[in-house]
Amino acid sequence: MAADNPATHRPRLARSLTDLGKQLAGTGRRAESFAATGAAVALYRQLAAEEPAAHTLALARTLSHLVAGLREAGQDQEALPVALEAVRIRQQLAADDPNAHGPDLAQALKDFAGALTLTRHWAKAITVTRELVKVRRWLTAQNPDAYESGLSEALTASALLRLLTGDDLPEALRATTEALEIHRRLAAAAPERFHAPLCDILRLQENLLQALGKQDEATAVHSWLAVNASDPEPQ
């Protein structure tokens, strides 16, 4: 049918393949899910090349589905080129309309950075996470309530990568300081949700302080955690 009337039926076939991939993933049939989603991606690439305005967003979404499936299956190496393609498309879309596409760009950058980290591409992961911080900082400026916790998460990821690699530890410490400022406000308002992440950031900061030779400050953080780590309402 798609061959008889491609203008009408190829987009429908691509959508059907995407839906099939999701359904197969939901039943644990990962190999078949990847095959269906990969076929949808290939078809959307053709459609987006012919009519970018009509099909580029659908291509980006389908790539994101494929990245998520590959990462859930532990196939981060295989996810890397797909995630990079998704990021590049999201960047183009966000350049035209940052309000509409900024959140999806942030998610694509997060997925790419995660895959880079788990495959030990440290330097690239730091670069991508830096871009993620930049995007989430912009989003937070537009809507703090919606995006501030995501900014803190990105800052924390950046600091952790720098600790793991020994790259610019003072910058990593500054990132945790900013993340803590955000999370202290969030934990004060909703301790049941944000107290545990606050403690995780503090543990990271303690490790950074030790690595920088700031033992007195590290001890102070450790002492606070010893008293408050299990407290759902930190003071």
Protein backbone atom coordinates (compact mmCIF):
# COMPACT_ATOMS: atom_id res chain seq x y z
CA MET A 1 0.00 0.00 0.00
CA ALA A 2 2.83 2.41 0.88
CA ALA A 3 4.39 1.72 -2.52
CA ASP A 4 1.13 2.50 -4.32
CA ASN A 5 0.60 5.89 -2.68
CA PRO A 6 3.80 6.83 -0.83
CA ALA A 7 2.83 10.41 0.00
CA THR A 8 -0.11 9.18 2.03
CA HIS A 9 1.00 5.81 3.29
CA ARG A 10 4.69 6.17 4.16
CA PRO A 11 4.03 8.52 7.09
CA ARG A 12 1.28 6.17 8.27
CA LEU A 13 3.63 3.20 7.98
CA ALA A 14 6.31 5.04 9.95
CA ARG A 15 3.82 5.80 12.73
CA SER A 16 2.65 2.19 12.77
CA LEU A 17 6.23 0.93 13.04
CA THR A 18 6.89 3.34 15.91
CA ASP A 19 3.78 2.15 17.75
CA LEU A 20 4.72 -1.48 17.10
CA GLY A 21 8.16 -0.86 18.54
CA LYS A 22 6.63 0.54 21.73
CA GLN A 23 4.22 -2.39 22.05
CA LEU A 24 6.99 -4.94 21.55
CA ALA A 25 9.17 -3.18 24.09
CA GLY A 26 6.32 -3.30 26.59
CA THR A 27 6.18 -7.09 26.28
CA GLY A 28 9.93 -7.51 26.64
CA ARG A 29 10.58 -8.39 23.00
CA ARG A 30 13.51 -6.05 22.70
CA ALA A 31 15.16 -7.35 19.55
CA GLU A 32 11.90 -7.13 17.63
CA SER A 33 11.21 -3.72 19.15
CA PHE A 34 14.59 -2.40 18.00
CA ALA A 35 13.96 -3.76 14.50
CA ALA A 36 10.56 -2.07 14.23
CA THR A 37 11.77 1.24 15.68
CA GLY A 38 14.89 1.15 13.52
CA ALA A 39 12.72 0.67 10.44
CA ALA A 40 10.59 3.63 11.52
CA VAL A 41 13.72 5.76 11.95
CA ALA A 42 14.94 4.83 8.47
CA LEU A 43 11.59 5.74 6.96
CA TYR A 44 11.38 9.02 8.88
CA ARG A 45 14.88 9.93 7.69
CA GLN A 46 13.65 9.63 4.11
CA LEU A 47 10.50 11.61 4.85
CA ALA A 48 12.40 14.35 6.73
CA ALA A 49 14.86 14.68 3.85
CA GLU A 50 11.96 15.22 1.46
CA GLU A 51 9.73 17.36 3.71
CA PRO A 52 11.68 18.63 6.74
CA ALA A 53 8.90 20.80 8.13
CA ALA A 54 6.45 17.92 8.13
CA HIS A 55 8.59 15.07 9.44
CA THR A 56 11.72 16.26 11.29
CA LEU A 57 9.99 16.37 14.68
CA ALA A 58 8.64 12.84 14.22
CA LEU A 59 12.15 11.67 13.32
CA ALA A 60 13.53 13.25 16.49
CA ARG A 61 10.86 11.58 18.63
CA THR A 62 11.44 8.18 17.08
CA LEU A 63 15.19 8.49 17.55
CA SER A 64 14.56 9.31 21.22
CA HIS A 65 12.41 6.18 21.58
CA LEU A 66 15.21 4.10 20.07
CA VAL A 67 17.82 5.66 22.35
CA ALA A 68 15.68 4.97 25.42
CA GLY A 69 15.17 1.36 24.41
CA LEU A 70 18.82 0.74 23.71
CA ARG A 71 19.87 2.29 27.01
CA GLU A 72 17.29 0.31 28.96
CA ALA A 73 18.75 -2.82 27.37
CA GLY A 74 22.25 -1.78 28.46
CA GLN A 75 23.35 -1.16 24.88
CA ASP A 76 24.85 2.27 25.51
CA GLN A 77 27.56 1.87 22.89
CA GLU A 78 24.93 1.16 20.23
CA ALA A 79 22.88 4.11 21.50
CA LEU A 80 25.69 6.64 20.98
CA PRO A 81 25.27 7.43 17.25
CA VAL A 82 21.49 7.44 17.57
CA ALA A 83 21.67 9.77 20.57
CA LEU A 84 24.04 12.10 18.72
CA GLU A 85 21.65 12.28 15.76
CA ALA A 86 18.77 13.03 18.12
CA VAL A 87 20.76 15.82 19.79
CA ARG A 88 21.65 17.44 16.48
CA ILE A 89 18.04 17.46 15.33
CA ARG A 90 16.81 18.78 18.68
CA GLN A 91 19.42 21.54 18.52
CA GLN A 92 18.12 22.61 15.12
CA LEU A 93 14.53 22.60 16.34
CA ALA A 94 15.40 24.49 19.53
CA ALA A 95 17.30 27.12 17.58
CA ASP A 96 14.07 27.93 15.74
CA ASP A 97 11.76 27.70 18.77
CA PRO A 98 13.56 27.31 22.13
CA ASN A 99 10.38 27.50 24.19
CA ALA A 100 8.79 24.60 22.35
CA HIS A 101 11.85 22.42 21.90
CA GLY A 102 14.21 23.37 24.73
CA PRO A 103 12.91 20.71 27.15
CA ASP A 104 13.30 17.94 24.57
CA LEU A 105 16.80 19.17 23.74
CA ALA A 106 17.67 18.92 27.42
CA GLN A 107 16.41 15.33 27.57
CA ALA A 108 18.33 14.41 24.42
CA LEU A 109 21.52 15.89 25.87
CA LYS A 110 20.94 14.02 29.13
CA ASP A 111 20.50 10.72 27.28
CA PHE A 112 23.63 11.33 25.20
CA ALA A 113 25.70 12.31 28.22
CA GLY A 114 24.51 9.22 30.09
CA ALA A 115 25.48 6.91 27.25
CA LEU A 116 28.87 8.64 26.92
CA THR A 117 29.49 8.27 30.64
CA LEU A 118 28.66 4.57 30.76
CA THR A 119 30.90 3.92 27.76
CA ARG A 120 33.71 5.92 29.41
CA HIS A 121 33.92 8.69 26.84
CA TRP A 122 34.69 11.05 29.70
CA ALA A 123 35.85 14.17 27.90
CA LYS A 124 32.90 14.15 25.51
CA ALA A 125 30.52 13.46 28.39
CA ILE A 126 31.83 16.54 30.21
CA THR A 127 31.34 18.67 27.09
CA VAL A 128 27.78 17.44 26.55
CA THR A 129 26.91 17.88 30.22
CA ARG A 130 28.21 21.44 30.07
CA GLU A 131 25.79 22.07 27.22
CA LEU A 132 23.01 20.42 29.24
CA VAL A 133 23.68 22.79 32.13
CA LYS A 134 23.50 25.74 29.73
CA VAL A 135 20.13 24.60 28.31
CA ARG A 136 18.64 23.84 31.70
CA ARG A 137 19.84 27.17 33.07
CA TRP A 138 17.96 28.90 30.25
CA LEU A 139 14.85 26.80 30.91
CA THR A 140 15.06 27.58 34.63
CA ALA A 141 15.18 31.29 33.89
CA GLN A 142 11.92 30.90 31.97
CA ASN A 143 10.14 28.68 34.52
CA PRO A 144 12.01 27.99 37.77
CA ASP A 145 9.32 25.80 39.30
CA ALA A 146 9.36 23.42 36.34
CA TYR A 147 13.08 23.23 35.62
CA GLU A 148 15.13 24.18 38.68
CA SER A 149 15.49 20.61 39.93
CA GLY A 150 16.70 19.58 36.47
CA LEU A 151 19.35 22.29 36.56
CA SER A 152 20.55 20.99 39.91
CA GLU A 153 20.66 17.46 38.50
CA ALA A 154 22.75 18.61 35.53
CA LEU A 155 25.15 20.55 37.76
CA THR A 156 25.57 17.47 39.94
CA ALA A 157 26.24 15.25 36.94
CA SER A 158 28.86 17.70 35.72
CA ALA A 159 30.56 17.76 39.12
CA LEU A 160 30.57 13.96 39.36
CA LEU A 161 32.17 13.60 35.94
CA ARG A 162 34.88 16.07 36.89
CA LEU A 163 35.54 14.21 40.14
CA LEU A 164 35.82 10.89 38.29
CA THR A 165 38.29 12.35 35.79
CA GLY A 166 40.09 14.84 38.04
CA ASP A 167 39.20 17.57 35.57
CA ASP A 168 38.89 21.09 37.04
CA LEU A 169 37.87 20.11 40.57
CA PRO A 170 37.36 23.75 41.66
CA GLU A 171 34.72 24.08 38.92
CA ALA A 172 33.14 20.84 40.13
CA LEU A 173 32.98 22.25 43.66
CA ARG A 174 31.32 25.42 42.37
CA ALA A 175 28.77 23.28 40.55
CA THR A 176 27.89 21.37 43.73
CA THR A 177 27.59 24.64 45.64
CA GLU A 178 25.03 25.92 43.14
CA ALA A 179 23.22 22.58 43.09
CA LEU A 180 23.04 22.64 46.88
CA GLU A 181 21.58 26.15 46.90
CA ILE A 182 18.80 24.91 44.66
CA HIS A 183 18.20 21.66 46.49
CA ARG A 184 18.13 23.27 49.92
CA ARG A 185 15.24 25.45 48.75
CA LEU A 186 13.50 22.47 47.18
CA ALA A 187 14.03 20.29 50.27
CA ALA A 188 12.66 23.01 52.53
CA ALA A 189 9.44 23.02 50.52
CA ALA A 190 9.19 19.27 49.84
CA PRO A 191 11.56 17.30 52.09
CA GLU A 192 10.00 13.94 51.30
CA ARG A 193 11.02 14.38 47.65
CA PHE A 194 14.24 16.38 47.78
CA HIS A 195 16.00 15.56 51.07
CA ALA A 196 17.61 12.35 49.79
CA PRO A 197 18.99 14.01 46.62
CA LEU A 198 20.25 16.88 48.78
CA CYS A 199 22.24 14.38 50.85
CA ASP A 200 23.63 12.77 47.70
CA ILE A 201 24.93 16.15 46.51
CA LEU A 202 26.47 16.78 49.90
CA ARG A 203 28.28 13.43 49.77
CA LEU A 204 29.65 14.40 46.37
CA GLN A 205 30.73 17.75 47.75
CA GLU A 206 32.44 16.03 50.68
CA ASN A 207 34.47 13.92 48.25
CA LEU A 208 35.40 16.99 46.23
CA LEU A 209 36.48 18.89 49.33
CA GLN A 210 38.68 15.96 50.34
CA ALA A 211 40.19 15.78 46.85
CA LEU A 212 40.97 19.50 47.04
CA GLY A 213 42.59 19.15 50.46
CA LYS A 214 39.86 21.12 52.24
CA GLN A 215 39.65 18.65 55.13
CA ASP A 216 37.98 20.92 57.67
CA GLU A 217 35.15 21.75 55.29
CA ALA A 218 34.81 18.09 54.29
CA THR A 219 34.57 17.13 57.96
CA ALA A 220 31.84 19.70 58.53
CA VAL A 221 29.80 18.26 55.66
CA HIS A 222 30.37 14.73 56.95
CA SER A 223 29.22 15.74 60.42
CA TRP A 224 26.04 17.31 59.05
CA LEU A 225 25.28 14.16 57.10
CA ALA A 226 25.87 11.98 60.14
CA VAL A 227 23.15 13.87 61.99
CA ASN A 228 20.71 14.70 59.19
CA ALA A 229 21.03 12.11 56.42
CA SER A 230 18.00 10.13 57.61
CA ASP A 231 15.97 13.20 58.63
CA PRO A 232 13.07 13.84 56.20
CA GLU A 233 12.85 17.44 57.39
CA PRO A 234 16.38 18.84 57.43
CA GLN A 235 16.97 21.93 59.48
